[in-house]
């Protein structure tokens, strides 16, 4: 019973860390995507002129 309790509370304690990690990855990805889109738009402008 104690073992089961320990296992069920462990992920709950780790959740804020996981959420923070996911948030960080999401922010990095959106910044990276914005940069790529920006560079592609700039290249397209140069090609079409």
N, C-alpha and C. Protein backbone atom coordinates (compact mmCIF):
# COMPACT_ATOMS: atom_id res chain seq x y z
N UNK A 1 0.84 -1.21 0.00
CA UNK A 1 0.00 0.00 0.00
C UNK A 1 0.87 1.26 0.00
N UNK A 2 1.91 1.24 0.82
CA UNK A 2 2.81 2.39 0.90
C UNK A 2 3.55 2.59 -0.42
N UNK A 3 3.92 1.48 -1.04
CA UNK A 3 4.64 1.51 -2.32
C UNK A 3 3.77 2.14 -3.41
N UNK A 4 2.51 1.74 -3.44
CA UNK A 4 1.56 2.26 -4.42
C UNK A 4 1.36 3.76 -4.24
N UNK A 5 1.26 4.18 -2.98
CA UNK A 5 1.08 5.60 -2.64
C UNK A 5 2.30 6.40 -3.12
N UNK A 6 3.48 5.87 -2.90
CA UNK A 6 4.73 6.53 -3.29
C UNK A 6 4.78 6.73 -4.81
N UNK A 7 4.38 5.70 -5.54
CA UNK A 7 4.42 5.76 -7.00
C UNK A 7 3.40 6.74 -7.56
N UNK A 8 2.23 6.82 -6.93
CA UNK A 8 1.19 7.71 -7.44
C UNK A 8 1.47 9.18 -7.13
N UNK A 9 2.23 9.47 -6.08
CA UNK A 9 2.51 10.87 -5.75
C UNK A 9 3.77 11.38 -6.46
N UNK A 10 4.65 10.48 -6.85
CA UNK A 10 5.89 10.89 -7.50
C UNK A 10 5.66 11.67 -8.79
N UNK A 11 4.84 11.22 -9.75
CA UNK A 11 4.63 11.99 -10.98
C UNK A 11 4.02 13.37 -10.71
N UNK A 12 3.14 13.47 -9.70
CA UNK A 12 2.50 14.74 -9.37
C UNK A 12 3.57 15.76 -8.94
N UNK A 13 4.55 15.31 -8.19
CA UNK A 13 5.64 16.19 -7.75
C UNK A 13 6.52 16.61 -8.93
N UNK A 14 6.59 15.78 -9.94
CA UNK A 14 7.43 16.06 -11.11
C UNK A 14 6.71 16.89 -12.17
N UNK A 15 5.39 17.00 -12.07
CA UNK A 15 4.61 17.71 -13.09
C UNK A 15 5.06 19.14 -13.35
N UNK A 16 5.28 19.99 -12.35
CA UNK A 16 5.70 21.37 -12.65
C UNK A 16 6.98 21.42 -13.48
N UNK A 17 7.90 20.52 -13.19
CA UNK A 17 9.17 20.48 -13.92
C UNK A 17 8.93 20.10 -15.37
N UNK A 18 8.08 19.10 -15.59
CA UNK A 18 7.76 18.64 -16.95
C UNK A 18 7.05 19.75 -17.72
N UNK A 19 6.08 20.40 -17.08
CA UNK A 19 5.35 21.49 -17.72
C UNK A 19 6.29 22.63 -18.09
N UNK A 20 7.21 22.96 -17.19
CA UNK A 20 8.17 24.02 -17.44
C UNK A 20 9.06 23.67 -18.64
N UNK A 21 9.43 22.40 -18.70
CA UNK A 21 10.28 21.89 -19.78
C UNK A 21 9.56 21.99 -21.13
N UNK A 22 8.28 21.55 -21.14
CA UNK A 22 7.47 21.60 -22.36
C UNK A 22 7.28 23.05 -22.80
N UNK A 23 7.02 23.94 -21.83
CA UNK A 23 6.83 25.35 -22.13
C UNK A 23 8.10 25.93 -22.76
N UNK A 24 9.24 25.57 -22.21
CA UNK A 24 10.52 26.03 -22.72
C UNK A 24 10.77 25.55 -24.14
N UNK A 25 10.46 24.28 -24.38
CA UNK A 25 10.64 23.69 -25.71
C UNK A 25 9.69 24.38 -26.70
N UNK A 26 8.46 24.62 -26.29
CA UNK A 26 7.46 25.26 -27.16
C UNK A 26 7.91 26.67 -27.53
N UNK A 27 8.41 27.42 -26.56
CA UNK A 27 8.87 28.79 -26.80
C UNK A 27 10.05 28.79 -27.77
N UNK A 28 10.97 27.86 -27.58
CA UNK A 28 12.14 27.75 -28.45
C UNK A 28 11.71 27.39 -29.86
N UNK A 29 10.77 26.43 -29.99
CA UNK A 29 10.29 25.99 -31.29
C UNK A 29 9.59 27.11 -32.04
N UNK A 30 8.73 27.87 -31.36
CA UNK A 30 8.00 28.94 -32.04
C UNK A 30 8.95 30.05 -32.47
N UNK A 31 9.98 30.31 -31.67
CA UNK A 31 10.98 31.32 -32.03
C UNK A 31 11.76 30.85 -33.26
N UNK A 32 12.11 29.57 -33.26
CA UNK A 32 12.85 28.96 -34.37
C UNK A 32 12.02 29.00 -35.65
N UNK A 33 10.73 28.65 -35.53
CA UNK A 33 9.81 28.66 -36.69
C UNK A 33 9.66 30.08 -37.22
N UNK A 34 9.50 31.05 -36.32
CA UNK A 34 9.37 32.46 -36.71
C UNK A 34 10.59 32.92 -37.50
N UNK A 35 11.76 32.51 -37.05
CA UNK A 35 13.01 32.88 -37.71
C UNK A 35 13.07 32.28 -39.12
N UNK A 36 12.73 31.00 -39.25
CA UNK A 36 12.74 30.32 -40.54
C UNK A 36 11.74 30.97 -41.49
N UNK A 37 10.54 31.23 -41.01
CA UNK A 37 9.49 31.86 -41.83
C UNK A 37 9.94 33.25 -42.27
N UNK A 38 10.54 33.99 -41.35
CA UNK A 38 11.05 35.33 -41.67
C UNK A 38 12.13 35.29 -42.73
N UNK A 39 13.04 34.34 -42.62
CA UNK A 39 14.13 34.20 -43.59
C UNK A 39 13.60 33.78 -44.95
N UNK A 40 12.61 32.88 -44.96
CA UNK A 40 12.01 32.42 -46.21
C UNK A 40 11.27 33.54 -46.91
N UNK A 41 10.56 34.36 -46.14
CA UNK A 41 9.83 35.49 -46.70
C UNK A 41 10.82 36.49 -47.32
N UNK A 42 11.92 36.70 -46.63
CA UNK A 42 12.96 37.62 -47.13
C UNK A 42 13.57 37.09 -48.43
N UNK A 43 13.84 35.78 -48.48
CA UNK A 43 14.40 35.16 -49.68
C UNK A 43 13.43 35.25 -50.85
N UNK A 44 12.13 35.04 -50.56
CA UNK A 44 11.10 35.12 -51.60
C UNK A 44 11.03 36.54 -52.17
N UNK A 45 11.12 37.52 -51.29
CA UNK A 45 11.09 38.93 -51.72
C UNK A 45 12.27 39.22 -52.65
N UNK A 46 13.43 38.72 -52.28
CA UNK A 46 14.62 38.95 -53.08
C UNK A 46 14.50 38.27 -54.45
N UNK A 47 13.90 37.10 -54.49
CA UNK A 47 13.76 36.35 -55.73
C UNK A 47 12.72 36.96 -56.67
N UNK A 48 11.65 37.50 -56.08
CA UNK A 48 10.56 38.02 -56.92
C UNK A 48 10.84 39.43 -57.44
N UNK A 49 11.75 40.13 -56.82
CA UNK A 49 12.04 41.52 -57.27
C UNK A 49 12.79 41.55 -58.59
